[in-house]
Each structure stands twice: as C-alpha cells, then as structure tokens.
Amino acid sequence: KKTSLFNFREHYEVDKRLNKITEMLSQHLNKDYEIRLTGHSLGALFAIFLAARLREKSFKVLPILTFGQPMLLDKDTEQQVSRLTIVRIIDVHDPTLVTFSGFKHVGQEITLLSRGNFCLETKTITSEDPVDSVPAPQNVKKGSKYKKMTLEDRLGCHQIDYYAKRIKLKFKGEPVMIASNDKHLYLK
C-alpha cells in the first residue's frame, strides 16, 4: 500500500513565500544581472524554486549551489526545475539524506567523503536509490562508527558551519575524486 508523500510546498507555504520574494526582487533586479543563488537545507529548495521563477521572468540565473538539501522534488517539481543547473553538496554524515522517501534530486551531486575525498554524481538521484551514506540504524554493522553516532550528533552534521568546516578540510591537501561505485569505501 503506497502512502501519500509529504507535501512540503503546502506545509511551508512555499508558493506563497516565493510569490512575495519574486515580486520584491523583480522590482529591484536588472534583467542584465547574472543572479547566483545558494541555500542550505530547506533554503536550498527555496533557492531552486526561486531560480525557476526568475528564469521564467527572463532573468539570467547562474548555476545554483545547495548544501544539505533534502530530496524533496517530485515529478512536477522535477519538470519545473529540469532546465536549471543545480549542484547539490551533501555530507555522508548528514541525516537528511535518508529522511524522506519517494522524492529525487536533479543535477549534479557532490558527496563529501572521509579525508580529502569526494564523489561526483551526475545522474538523477532518487530516494529509492541505494544510499551509500548514513545508513538507517537497522542496517548498521555491529561495532560501526555509525552505531555510536547519536541523533544529536547526526543532526549536527546537517549544520552549515559543519559543511564549511568539511569543505575547508578538503582543500588542506589534494582533494581526490572517488568513483561512485567505490564511494562506500570512504564513509568514515
């Protein structure tokens, strides 16, 4: 039996808020400007939807960079944003990667792995795809580091300052791109 998906757009009044923001920005932006949007968590989703609205109004929208963005795109929203260039940066410890089911992400995805490693995905990723990060508690091997991480610890891994720290660490040495099929080897 299939359950209905969480309607975050309705719950957070996304369209109402986007209408206000788009109206305000449209009055102050020049269509010759290049607009760069970024966001974290739910703000990442707002950045994506705002970019789609601004593009509809013929503004020049540059690639969108998101951090810790939950997968909350359904078929309708995927179609709405499919012409945008989106780069989603996630961390293997971020619990939002396994929070919602039945949704997807479009665009590129950069997964921050252990040490100086990262993985780049360019396919559409759905919440039904196997997740090579923060495993669900019942799937964690005995003695694994993830068994020891409390929910509070994992939620701390969703904070933007955590992302900034992890990205900064990647550039202390030489960052190494890991192939998607080897990502599971770098989840420490």
N, C-alpha and C. Protein backbone atom coordinates (compact mmCIF):
# COMPACT_ATOMS: atom_id res chain seq x y z
N LYS A 1 0.85 -1.19 0.00
CA LYS A 1 0.00 0.00 0.00
C LYS A 1 0.89 1.24 0.00
N LYS A 2 0.68 2.11 -0.95
CA LYS A 2 1.51 3.31 -1.09
C LYS A 2 0.93 4.45 -0.25
N THR A 3 1.77 5.09 0.54
CA THR A 3 1.32 6.23 1.33
C THR A 3 1.57 7.51 0.54
N SER A 4 0.81 8.55 0.86
CA SER A 4 0.99 9.81 0.14
C SER A 4 2.28 10.48 0.61
N LEU A 5 2.90 11.21 -0.29
CA LEU A 5 4.15 11.90 0.00
C LEU A 5 3.88 13.16 0.82
N PHE A 6 4.85 13.52 1.64
CA PHE A 6 4.79 14.75 2.42
C PHE A 6 4.74 15.93 1.46
N ASN A 7 3.76 16.79 1.60
CA ASN A 7 3.63 17.95 0.72
C ASN A 7 4.30 19.15 1.39
N PHE A 8 5.62 19.23 1.23
CA PHE A 8 6.38 20.30 1.87
C PHE A 8 6.01 21.66 1.31
N ARG A 9 5.64 21.73 0.01
CA ARG A 9 5.29 23.01 -0.60
C ARG A 9 4.08 23.61 0.08
N GLU A 10 3.12 22.77 0.41
CA GLU A 10 1.93 23.24 1.11
C GLU A 10 2.26 23.52 2.57
N HIS A 11 2.96 22.60 3.20
CA HIS A 11 3.28 22.72 4.63
C HIS A 11 4.06 24.01 4.92
N TYR A 12 5.03 24.34 4.12
CA TYR A 12 5.86 25.53 4.34
C TYR A 12 5.39 26.75 3.54
N GLU A 13 4.23 26.65 2.91
CA GLU A 13 3.68 27.75 2.10
C GLU A 13 4.71 28.27 1.10
N VAL A 14 5.37 27.36 0.43
CA VAL A 14 6.46 27.69 -0.48
C VAL A 14 5.99 28.64 -1.57
N ASP A 15 4.90 28.33 -2.24
CA ASP A 15 4.45 29.17 -3.35
C ASP A 15 4.07 30.57 -2.90
N LYS A 16 3.41 30.68 -1.76
CA LYS A 16 3.04 31.99 -1.22
C LYS A 16 4.30 32.83 -0.93
N ARG A 17 5.28 32.19 -0.30
CA ARG A 17 6.52 32.90 0.03
C ARG A 17 7.32 33.26 -1.23
N LEU A 18 7.34 32.34 -2.19
CA LEU A 18 8.06 32.60 -3.44
C LEU A 18 7.42 33.75 -4.21
N ASN A 19 6.10 33.82 -4.21
CA ASN A 19 5.42 34.93 -4.89
C ASN A 19 5.87 36.26 -4.31
N LYS A 20 5.93 36.36 -2.98
CA LYS A 20 6.35 37.60 -2.32
C LYS A 20 7.80 37.95 -2.66
N ILE A 21 8.68 36.94 -2.56
CA ILE A 21 10.10 37.17 -2.83
C ILE A 21 10.32 37.54 -4.29
N THR A 22 9.68 36.83 -5.20
CA THR A 22 9.84 37.10 -6.63
C THR A 22 9.35 38.51 -6.97
N GLU A 23 8.21 38.89 -6.42
CA GLU A 23 7.66 40.24 -6.67
C GLU A 23 8.63 41.31 -6.17
N MET A 24 9.16 41.12 -4.98
CA MET A 24 10.09 42.09 -4.41
C MET A 24 11.38 42.18 -5.24
N LEU A 25 11.96 41.03 -5.58
CA LEU A 25 13.20 41.03 -6.35
C LEU A 25 13.01 41.58 -7.76
N SER A 26 11.91 41.26 -8.37
CA SER A 26 11.65 41.71 -9.74
C SER A 26 11.68 43.23 -9.85
N GLN A 27 11.30 43.90 -8.78
CA GLN A 27 11.28 45.37 -8.78
C GLN A 27 12.68 45.96 -8.68
N HIS A 28 13.63 45.19 -8.17
CA HIS A 28 14.96 45.73 -7.90
C HIS A 28 16.08 45.15 -8.74
N LEU A 29 15.80 44.09 -9.47
CA LEU A 29 16.85 43.46 -10.27
C LEU A 29 16.76 43.89 -11.73
N ASN A 30 17.91 44.05 -12.31
CA ASN A 30 18.01 44.35 -13.73
C ASN A 30 18.12 43.03 -14.49
N LYS A 31 17.42 42.88 -15.58
CA LYS A 31 17.44 41.61 -16.32
C LYS A 31 18.82 41.32 -16.93
N ASP A 32 19.70 42.32 -16.94
CA ASP A 32 21.06 42.09 -17.43
C ASP A 32 21.96 41.49 -16.34
N TYR A 33 21.52 41.54 -15.08
CA TYR A 33 22.31 40.98 -13.99
C TYR A 33 22.38 39.47 -14.12
N GLU A 34 23.52 38.91 -13.70
CA GLU A 34 23.62 37.47 -13.54
C GLU A 34 23.33 37.18 -12.07
N ILE A 35 22.38 36.29 -11.83
CA ILE A 35 21.94 36.02 -10.47
C ILE A 35 22.45 34.66 -10.01
N ARG A 36 23.14 34.67 -8.88
CA ARG A 36 23.65 33.43 -8.29
C ARG A 36 22.88 33.18 -6.99
N LEU A 37 22.29 31.99 -6.89
CA LEU A 37 21.53 31.62 -5.70
C LEU A 37 22.16 30.41 -5.03
N THR A 38 22.11 30.40 -3.71
CA THR A 38 22.58 29.26 -2.93
C THR A 38 21.67 29.12 -1.73
N GLY A 39 21.71 27.98 -1.11
CA GLY A 39 20.89 27.78 0.08
C GLY A 39 21.30 26.53 0.81
N HIS A 40 20.86 26.46 2.05
CA HIS A 40 21.14 25.30 2.90
C HIS A 40 19.83 24.72 3.39
N SER A 41 19.70 23.41 3.34
CA SER A 41 18.54 22.68 3.83
C SER A 41 17.28 23.13 3.10
N LEU A 42 16.25 23.54 3.82
CA LEU A 42 15.03 24.00 3.16
C LEU A 42 15.30 25.25 2.33
N GLY A 43 16.25 26.07 2.75
CA GLY A 43 16.64 27.26 1.98
C GLY A 43 17.20 26.89 0.62
N ALA A 44 17.79 25.70 0.52
CA ALA A 44 18.29 25.22 -0.77
C ALA A 44 17.13 24.98 -1.73
N LEU A 45 16.06 24.40 -1.22
CA LEU A 45 14.88 24.18 -2.06
C LEU A 45 14.26 25.50 -2.49
N PHE A 46 14.20 26.47 -1.57
CA PHE A 46 13.69 27.79 -1.92
C PHE A 46 14.56 28.42 -3.01
N ALA A 47 15.88 28.27 -2.91
CA ALA A 47 16.78 28.82 -3.93
C ALA A 47 16.48 28.22 -5.30
N ILE A 48 16.24 26.91 -5.34
CA ILE A 48 15.94 26.24 -6.61
C ILE A 48 14.63 26.75 -7.20
N PHE A 49 13.59 26.83 -6.39
CA PHE A 49 12.28 27.27 -6.90
C PHE A 49 12.30 28.75 -7.27
N LEU A 50 13.05 29.55 -6.51
CA LEU A 50 13.19 30.97 -6.86
C LEU A 50 13.92 31.11 -8.18
N ALA A 51 14.95 30.33 -8.39
CA ALA A 51 15.69 30.36 -9.65
C ALA A 51 14.76 30.03 -10.82
N ALA A 52 13.92 29.03 -10.65
CA ALA A 52 12.97 28.67 -11.72
C ALA A 52 12.02 29.82 -12.02
N ARG A 53 11.54 30.48 -10.97
CA ARG A 53 10.63 31.63 -11.17
C ARG A 53 11.33 32.79 -11.87
N LEU A 54 12.56 33.08 -11.44
CA LEU A 54 13.29 34.19 -12.05
C LEU A 54 13.62 33.89 -13.51
N ARG A 55 13.97 32.65 -13.79
CA ARG A 55 14.26 32.27 -15.18
C ARG A 55 13.01 32.43 -16.05
N GLU A 56 11.83 32.08 -15.52
CA GLU A 56 10.57 32.27 -16.24
C GLU A 56 10.36 33.73 -16.60
N LYS A 57 10.88 34.63 -15.76
CA LYS A 57 10.75 36.07 -15.99
C LYS A 57 11.93 36.62 -16.78
N SER A 58 12.71 35.74 -17.40
CA SER A 58 13.84 36.08 -18.28
C SER A 58 15.05 36.66 -17.56
N PHE A 59 15.22 36.37 -16.28
CA PHE A 59 16.44 36.76 -15.59
C PHE A 59 17.52 35.72 -15.89
N LYS A 60 18.79 36.16 -15.85
CA LYS A 60 19.92 35.27 -16.09
C LYS A 60 20.32 34.60 -14.78
N VAL A 61 19.98 33.33 -14.65
CA VAL A 61 20.27 32.60 -13.41
C VAL A 61 21.49 31.71 -13.63
N LEU A 62 22.51 31.91 -12.80
CA LEU A 62 23.73 31.11 -12.85
C LEU A 62 23.48 29.77 -12.14
N PRO A 63 24.41 28.83 -12.23
CA PRO A 63 24.23 27.56 -11.53
C PRO A 63 23.94 27.77 -10.04
N ILE A 64 23.05 26.94 -9.51
CA ILE A 64 22.62 27.03 -8.12
C ILE A 64 23.43 26.03 -7.31
N LEU A 65 23.95 26.47 -6.18
CA LEU A 65 24.74 25.63 -5.30
C LEU A 65 23.96 25.42 -4.01
N THR A 66 23.71 24.16 -3.64
CA THR A 66 22.96 23.89 -2.42
C THR A 66 23.79 23.04 -1.47
N PHE A 67 23.50 23.17 -0.19
CA PHE A 67 24.19 22.42 0.86
C PHE A 67 23.15 21.71 1.71
N GLY A 68 23.31 20.40 1.92
CA GLY A 68 22.41 19.66 2.79
C GLY A 68 20.97 19.71 2.33
N GLN A 69 20.76 19.80 1.04
CA GLN A 69 19.41 19.89 0.50
C GLN A 69 18.72 18.53 0.58
N PRO A 70 17.57 18.47 1.26
CA PRO A 70 16.85 17.20 1.26
C PRO A 70 16.28 16.90 -0.12
N MET A 71 16.11 15.63 -0.40
CA MET A 71 15.47 15.23 -1.66
C MET A 71 13.97 15.43 -1.51
N LEU A 72 13.46 16.51 -2.04
CA LEU A 72 12.02 16.78 -1.94
C LEU A 72 11.42 17.17 -3.28
N LEU A 73 12.04 16.73 -4.36
CA LEU A 73 11.49 17.02 -5.68
C LEU A 73 10.65 15.84 -6.14
N ASP A 74 9.40 16.12 -6.50
CA ASP A 74 8.55 15.08 -7.08
C ASP A 74 8.54 15.27 -8.59
N LYS A 75 7.72 14.52 -9.30
CA LYS A 75 7.72 14.60 -10.78
C LYS A 75 7.37 16.00 -11.27
N ASP A 76 6.40 16.66 -10.63
CA ASP A 76 6.00 18.00 -11.05
C ASP A 76 7.12 19.01 -10.85
N THR A 77 7.74 18.98 -9.65
CA THR A 77 8.80 19.95 -9.37
C THR A 77 10.06 19.62 -10.15
N GLU A 78 10.29 18.35 -10.43
CA GLU A 78 11.46 17.97 -11.24
C GLU A 78 11.35 18.61 -12.62
N GLN A 79 10.18 18.55 -13.19
CA GLN A 79 9.97 19.14 -14.52
C GLN A 79 10.14 20.66 -14.47
N GLN A 80 9.67 21.27 -13.38
CA GLN A 80 9.79 22.72 -13.21
C GLN A 80 11.23 23.19 -13.20
N VAL A 81 12.11 22.41 -12.60
CA VAL A 81 13.49 22.85 -12.40
C VAL A 81 14.49 22.14 -13.31
N SER A 82 14.02 21.32 -14.22
CA SER A 82 14.92 20.50 -15.04
C SER A 82 15.85 21.30 -15.93
N ARG A 83 15.50 22.54 -16.26
CA ARG A 83 16.36 23.34 -17.13
C ARG A 83 17.41 24.14 -16.36
N LEU A 84 17.39 24.03 -15.04
CA LEU A 84 18.36 24.74 -14.22
C LEU A 84 19.62 23.90 -14.04
N THR A 85 20.74 24.57 -13.79
CA THR A 85 21.97 23.87 -13.44
C THR A 85 22.07 23.90 -11.92
N ILE A 86 22.00 22.72 -11.31
CA ILE A 86 21.98 22.61 -9.86
C ILE A 86 23.13 21.70 -9.41
N VAL A 87 23.88 22.17 -8.41
CA VAL A 87 24.92 21.36 -7.79
C VAL A 87 24.56 21.23 -6.32
N ARG A 88 24.32 20.01 -5.89
CA ARG A 88 23.92 19.71 -4.51
C ARG A 88 25.13 19.13 -3.79
N ILE A 89 25.57 19.81 -2.72
CA ILE A 89 26.68 19.31 -1.91
C ILE A 89 26.09 18.68 -0.66
N ILE A 90 26.46 17.40 -0.45
CA ILE A 90 25.97 16.69 0.72
C ILE A 90 27.15 16.07 1.46
N ASP A 91 26.95 15.76 2.71
CA ASP A 91 27.97 15.11 3.51
C ASP A 91 27.46 13.73 3.89
N VAL A 92 28.36 12.75 3.92
CA VAL A 92 27.94 11.38 4.21
C VAL A 92 27.31 11.23 5.59
N HIS A 93 27.58 12.14 6.50
CA HIS A 93 27.03 12.04 7.85
C HIS A 93 25.69 12.77 8.01
N ASP A 94 25.27 13.51 7.02
CA ASP A 94 24.05 14.32 7.11
C ASP A 94 22.81 13.41 7.09
N PRO A 95 21.99 13.47 8.14
CA PRO A 95 20.82 12.59 8.21
C PRO A 95 19.71 12.94 7.22
N THR A 96 19.74 14.11 6.62
CA THR A 96 18.67 14.47 5.68
C THR A 96 18.71 13.61 4.42
N LEU A 97 19.81 12.90 4.20
CA LEU A 97 19.92 12.05 3.02
C LEU A 97 18.94 10.88 3.07
N VAL A 98 18.51 10.50 4.26
CA VAL A 98 17.61 9.36 4.39
C VAL A 98 16.31 9.75 5.10
N THR A 99 15.99 11.02 5.13
CA THR A 99 14.82 11.49 5.86
C THR A 99 13.51 11.24 5.13
N PHE A 100 13.44 11.55 3.85
CA PHE A 100 12.19 11.45 3.10
C PHE A 100 12.31 10.38 2.02
N SER A 101 11.22 9.70 1.72
CA SER A 101 11.25 8.72 0.63
C SER A 101 10.26 9.14 -0.45
N GLY A 102 10.49 8.65 -1.66
CA GLY A 102 9.60 8.94 -2.77
C GLY A 102 9.96 10.21 -3.54
N PHE A 103 11.09 10.81 -3.24
CA PHE A 103 11.49 12.05 -3.88
C PHE A 103 12.81 11.87 -4.61
N LYS A 104 13.27 12.93 -5.30
CA LYS A 104 14.52 12.84 -6.05
C LYS A 104 15.25 14.16 -6.04
N HIS A 105 16.46 14.11 -6.58
CA HIS A 105 17.28 15.30 -6.79
C HIS A 105 17.69 15.30 -8.25
N VAL A 106 17.70 16.46 -8.87
CA VAL A 106 18.18 16.57 -10.24
C VAL A 106 19.45 17.41 -10.24
N GLY A 107 20.27 17.20 -11.25
CA GLY A 107 21.52 17.95 -11.35
C GLY A 107 22.69 17.13 -10.85
N GLN A 108 23.76 17.82 -10.55
CA GLN A 108 24.97 17.15 -10.07
C GLN A 108 24.93 17.08 -8.55
N GLU A 109 25.60 16.07 -8.01
CA GLU A 109 25.67 15.93 -6.57
C GLU A 109 27.12 15.65 -6.19
N ILE A 110 27.62 16.42 -5.26
CA ILE A 110 28.97 16.21 -4.73
C ILE A 110 28.81 15.71 -3.30
N THR A 111 29.32 14.50 -3.06
CA THR A 111 29.26 13.91 -1.72
C THR A 111 30.62 14.09 -1.06
N LEU A 112 30.62 14.74 0.11
CA LEU A 112 31.85 14.90 0.88
C LEU A 112 32.10 13.61 1.65
N LEU A 113 33.21 12.96 1.36
CA LEU A 113 33.57 11.68 1.98
C LEU A 113 34.65 11.91 3.02
N SER A 114 35.25 10.84 3.51
CA SER A 114 36.31 10.96 4.52
C SER A 114 37.56 11.61 3.93
N ARG A 115 38.35 12.18 4.84
CA ARG A 115 39.62 12.84 4.49
C ARG A 115 39.43 13.83 3.34
N GLY A 116 40.28 13.80 2.33
CA GLY A 116 40.19 14.73 1.22
C GLY A 116 39.38 14.20 0.05
N ASN A 117 38.56 13.19 0.29
CA ASN A 117 37.84 12.53 -0.79
C ASN A 117 36.44 13.10 -1.01
N PHE A 118 36.00 13.00 -2.25
CA PHE A 118 34.63 13.39 -2.59
C PHE A 118 34.19 12.55 -3.79
N CYS A 119 32.89 12.55 -4.03
CA CYS A 119 32.34 11.80 -5.15
C CYS A 119 31.40 12.71 -5.92
N LEU A 120 31.46 12.68 -7.23
CA LEU A 120 30.59 13.48 -8.09
C LEU A 120 29.62 12.56 -8.81
N GLU A 121 28.32 12.83 -8.64
CA GLU A 121 27.26 12.10 -9.33
C GLU A 121 26.60 13.05 -10.31
N THR A 122 26.36 12.59 -11.51
CA THR A 122 25.71 13.47 -12.49
C THR A 122 24.35 12.96 -12.94
N LYS A 123 23.92 11.82 -12.41
CA LYS A 123 22.61 11.27 -12.78
C LYS A 123 21.54 11.79 -11.82
N THR A 124 20.27 11.65 -12.21
CA THR A 124 19.19 11.97 -11.29
C THR A 124 19.20 10.94 -10.18
N ILE A 125 19.16 11.41 -8.95
CA ILE A 125 19.23 10.54 -7.79
C ILE A 125 17.87 10.55 -7.11
N THR A 126 17.34 9.37 -6.83
CA THR A 126 16.05 9.28 -6.15
C THR A 126 16.24 8.69 -4.77
N SER A 127 15.25 8.90 -3.92
CA SER A 127 15.35 8.37 -2.56
C SER A 127 15.22 6.85 -2.55
N GLU A 128 14.85 6.26 -3.68
CA GLU A 128 14.78 4.80 -3.77
C GLU A 128 16.13 4.20 -4.17
N ASP A 129 17.07 5.04 -4.65
CA ASP A 129 18.42 4.56 -4.96
C ASP A 129 19.09 4.12 -3.67
N PRO A 130 20.01 3.15 -3.76
CA PRO A 130 20.74 2.77 -2.54
C PRO A 130 21.52 3.98 -2.02
N VAL A 131 21.46 4.21 -0.75
CA VAL A 131 22.16 5.35 -0.14
C VAL A 131 23.45 4.84 0.47
N ASP A 132 24.58 5.33 -0.03
CA ASP A 132 25.89 4.91 0.47
C ASP A 132 26.38 5.85 1.57
N SER A 133 25.47 6.36 2.37
CA SER A 133 25.84 7.27 3.43
C SER A 133 24.95 6.98 4.61
N VAL A 134 25.18 7.63 5.69
CA VAL A 134 24.44 7.45 6.93
C VAL A 134 23.37 6.37 6.84
N PRO A 135 23.73 5.14 7.06
CA PRO A 135 22.77 4.07 6.92
C PRO A 135 21.67 4.14 7.97
N ALA A 136 20.51 3.61 7.65
CA ALA A 136 19.43 3.51 8.61
C ALA A 136 19.93 2.64 9.77
N PRO A 137 19.53 2.94 11.02
CA PRO A 137 20.07 2.23 12.19
C PRO A 137 20.00 0.71 12.07
N GLN A 138 18.94 0.16 11.51
CA GLN A 138 18.82 -1.30 11.41
C GLN A 138 19.82 -1.89 10.42
N ASN A 139 20.43 -1.07 9.55
CA ASN A 139 21.37 -1.57 8.56
C ASN A 139 22.84 -1.37 8.95
N VAL A 140 23.06 -0.83 10.14
CA VAL A 140 24.43 -0.54 10.58
C VAL A 140 25.07 -1.80 11.15
N LYS A 141 26.29 -2.09 10.72
CA LYS A 141 27.02 -3.26 11.21
C LYS A 141 27.44 -3.04 12.66
N LYS A 142 27.45 -4.13 13.41
CA LYS A 142 27.85 -4.07 14.80
C LYS A 142 29.28 -3.53 14.90
N GLY A 143 29.53 -2.59 15.82
CA GLY A 143 30.85 -2.02 16.01
C GLY A 143 31.15 -0.85 15.08
N SER A 144 30.25 -0.54 14.16
CA SER A 144 30.47 0.55 13.22
C SER A 144 30.41 1.90 13.93
N LYS A 145 31.14 2.87 13.39
CA LYS A 145 31.13 4.23 13.92
C LYS A 145 29.72 4.80 13.93
N TYR A 146 28.90 4.44 12.93
CA TYR A 146 27.56 4.99 12.83
C TYR A 146 26.66 4.53 13.97
N LYS A 147 26.92 3.35 14.52
CA LYS A 147 26.15 2.85 15.65
C LYS A 147 26.35 3.78 16.84
N LYS A 148 27.54 4.38 16.92
CA LYS A 148 27.90 5.23 18.06
C LYS A 148 27.38 6.67 17.89
N MET A 149 27.01 7.06 16.69
CA MET A 149 26.54 8.43 16.47
C MET A 149 25.10 8.57 16.95
N THR A 150 24.89 9.50 17.87
CA THR A 150 23.53 9.75 18.34
C THR A 150 22.80 10.59 17.30
N LEU A 151 21.49 10.67 17.43
CA LEU A 151 20.71 11.51 16.52
C LEU A 151 21.20 12.96 16.62
N GLU A 152 21.52 13.40 17.83
CA GLU A 152 22.01 14.76 18.02
C GLU A 152 23.32 14.98 17.25
N ASP A 153 24.22 13.99 17.30
CA ASP A 153 25.48 14.07 16.54
C ASP A 153 25.19 14.17 15.05
N ARG A 154 24.29 13.32 14.59
CA ARG A 154 23.97 13.30 13.16
C ARG A 154 23.31 14.61 12.73
N LEU A 155 22.45 15.16 13.58
CA LEU A 155 21.82 16.45 13.24
C LEU A 155 22.86 17.56 13.19
N GLY A 156 23.89 17.46 14.01
CA GLY A 156 24.97 18.44 13.96
C GLY A 156 25.69 18.42 12.62
N CYS A 157 25.65 17.28 11.96
CA CYS A 157 26.29 17.14 10.65
C CYS A 157 25.47 17.80 9.54
N HIS A 158 24.30 18.31 9.88
CA HIS A 158 23.46 19.00 8.89
C HIS A 158 23.66 20.51 8.96
N GLN A 159 24.36 21.01 9.96
CA GLN A 159 24.56 22.46 10.13
C GLN A 159 25.48 23.01 9.05
N ILE A 160 25.22 24.24 8.62
CA ILE A 160 26.02 24.85 7.55
C ILE A 160 27.47 25.05 7.99
N ASP A 161 27.72 25.34 9.27
CA ASP A 161 29.11 25.50 9.70
C ASP A 161 29.87 24.17 9.64
N TYR A 162 29.18 23.06 9.81
CA TYR A 162 29.79 21.75 9.64
C TYR A 162 30.21 21.57 8.19
N TYR A 163 29.33 21.95 7.25
CA TYR A 163 29.65 21.85 5.83
C TYR A 163 30.87 22.72 5.50
N ALA A 164 30.89 23.94 6.00
CA ALA A 164 32.02 24.84 5.73
C ALA A 164 33.32 24.23 6.23
N LYS A 165 33.29 23.67 7.43
CA LYS A 165 34.48 23.04 8.02
C LYS A 165 34.94 21.86 7.15
N ARG A 166 34.00 21.02 6.73
CA ARG A 166 34.35 19.84 5.93
C ARG A 166 34.92 20.24 4.56
N ILE A 167 34.37 21.26 3.94
CA ILE A 167 34.88 21.71 2.64
C ILE A 167 36.27 22.30 2.80
N LYS A 168 36.47 23.08 3.85
CA LYS A 168 37.78 23.66 4.11
C LYS A 168 38.84 22.56 4.28
N LEU A 169 38.48 21.48 4.98
CA LEU A 169 39.40 20.36 5.18
C LEU A 169 39.77 19.70 3.86
N LYS A 170 38.85 19.67 2.92
CA LYS A 170 39.11 19.03 1.62
C LYS A 170 40.24 19.74 0.88
N PHE A 171 40.36 21.04 1.13
CA PHE A 171 41.35 21.81 0.38
C PHE A 171 42.65 22.01 1.14
N LYS A 172 42.79 21.39 2.30
CA LYS A 172 44.08 21.43 3.01
C LYS A 172 45.10 20.60 2.28
N GLY A 173 44.65 19.51 1.71
CA GLY A 173 45.52 18.64 0.93
C GLY A 173 45.05 18.67 -0.51
N GLU A 174 45.30 17.61 -1.21
CA GLU A 174 44.87 17.49 -2.60
C GLU A 174 43.55 16.71 -2.62
N PRO A 175 42.41 17.36 -2.96
CA PRO A 175 41.14 16.63 -2.99
C PRO A 175 41.20 15.49 -4.02
N VAL A 176 40.58 14.36 -3.69
CA VAL A 176 40.60 13.20 -4.57
C VAL A 176 39.16 12.81 -4.91
N MET A 177 38.85 12.73 -6.21
CA MET A 177 37.52 12.31 -6.62
C MET A 177 37.46 10.79 -6.66
N ILE A 178 36.45 10.24 -6.00
CA ILE A 178 36.25 8.80 -5.90
C ILE A 178 35.13 8.40 -6.85
N ALA A 179 35.29 7.28 -7.53
CA ALA A 179 34.24 6.78 -8.42
C ALA A 179 33.01 6.38 -7.60
N SER A 180 31.82 6.58 -8.18
CA SER A 180 30.57 6.28 -7.48
C SER A 180 30.53 4.87 -6.90
N ASN A 181 30.99 3.90 -7.66
CA ASN A 181 30.92 2.51 -7.18
C ASN A 181 31.91 2.21 -6.06
N ASP A 182 32.85 3.12 -5.77
CA ASP A 182 33.80 2.94 -4.67
C ASP A 182 33.47 3.82 -3.46
N LYS A 183 32.39 4.59 -3.57
CA LYS A 183 32.04 5.55 -2.51
C LYS A 183 31.91 4.89 -1.14
N HIS A 184 31.38 3.70 -1.08
CA HIS A 184 31.16 3.00 0.19
C HIS A 184 32.47 2.75 0.95
N LEU A 185 33.60 2.80 0.27
CA LEU A 185 34.89 2.56 0.91
C LEU A 185 35.39 3.78 1.70
N TYR A 186 34.74 4.93 1.51
CA TYR A 186 35.21 6.19 2.09
C TYR A 186 34.18 6.85 2.98
N LEU A 187 33.43 6.08 3.73
CA LEU A 187 32.35 6.62 4.55
C LEU A 187 32.74 6.87 5.99
N LYS A 188 34.01 6.81 6.33
CA LYS A 188 34.45 7.01 7.73
C LYS A 188 34.24 8.43 8.16
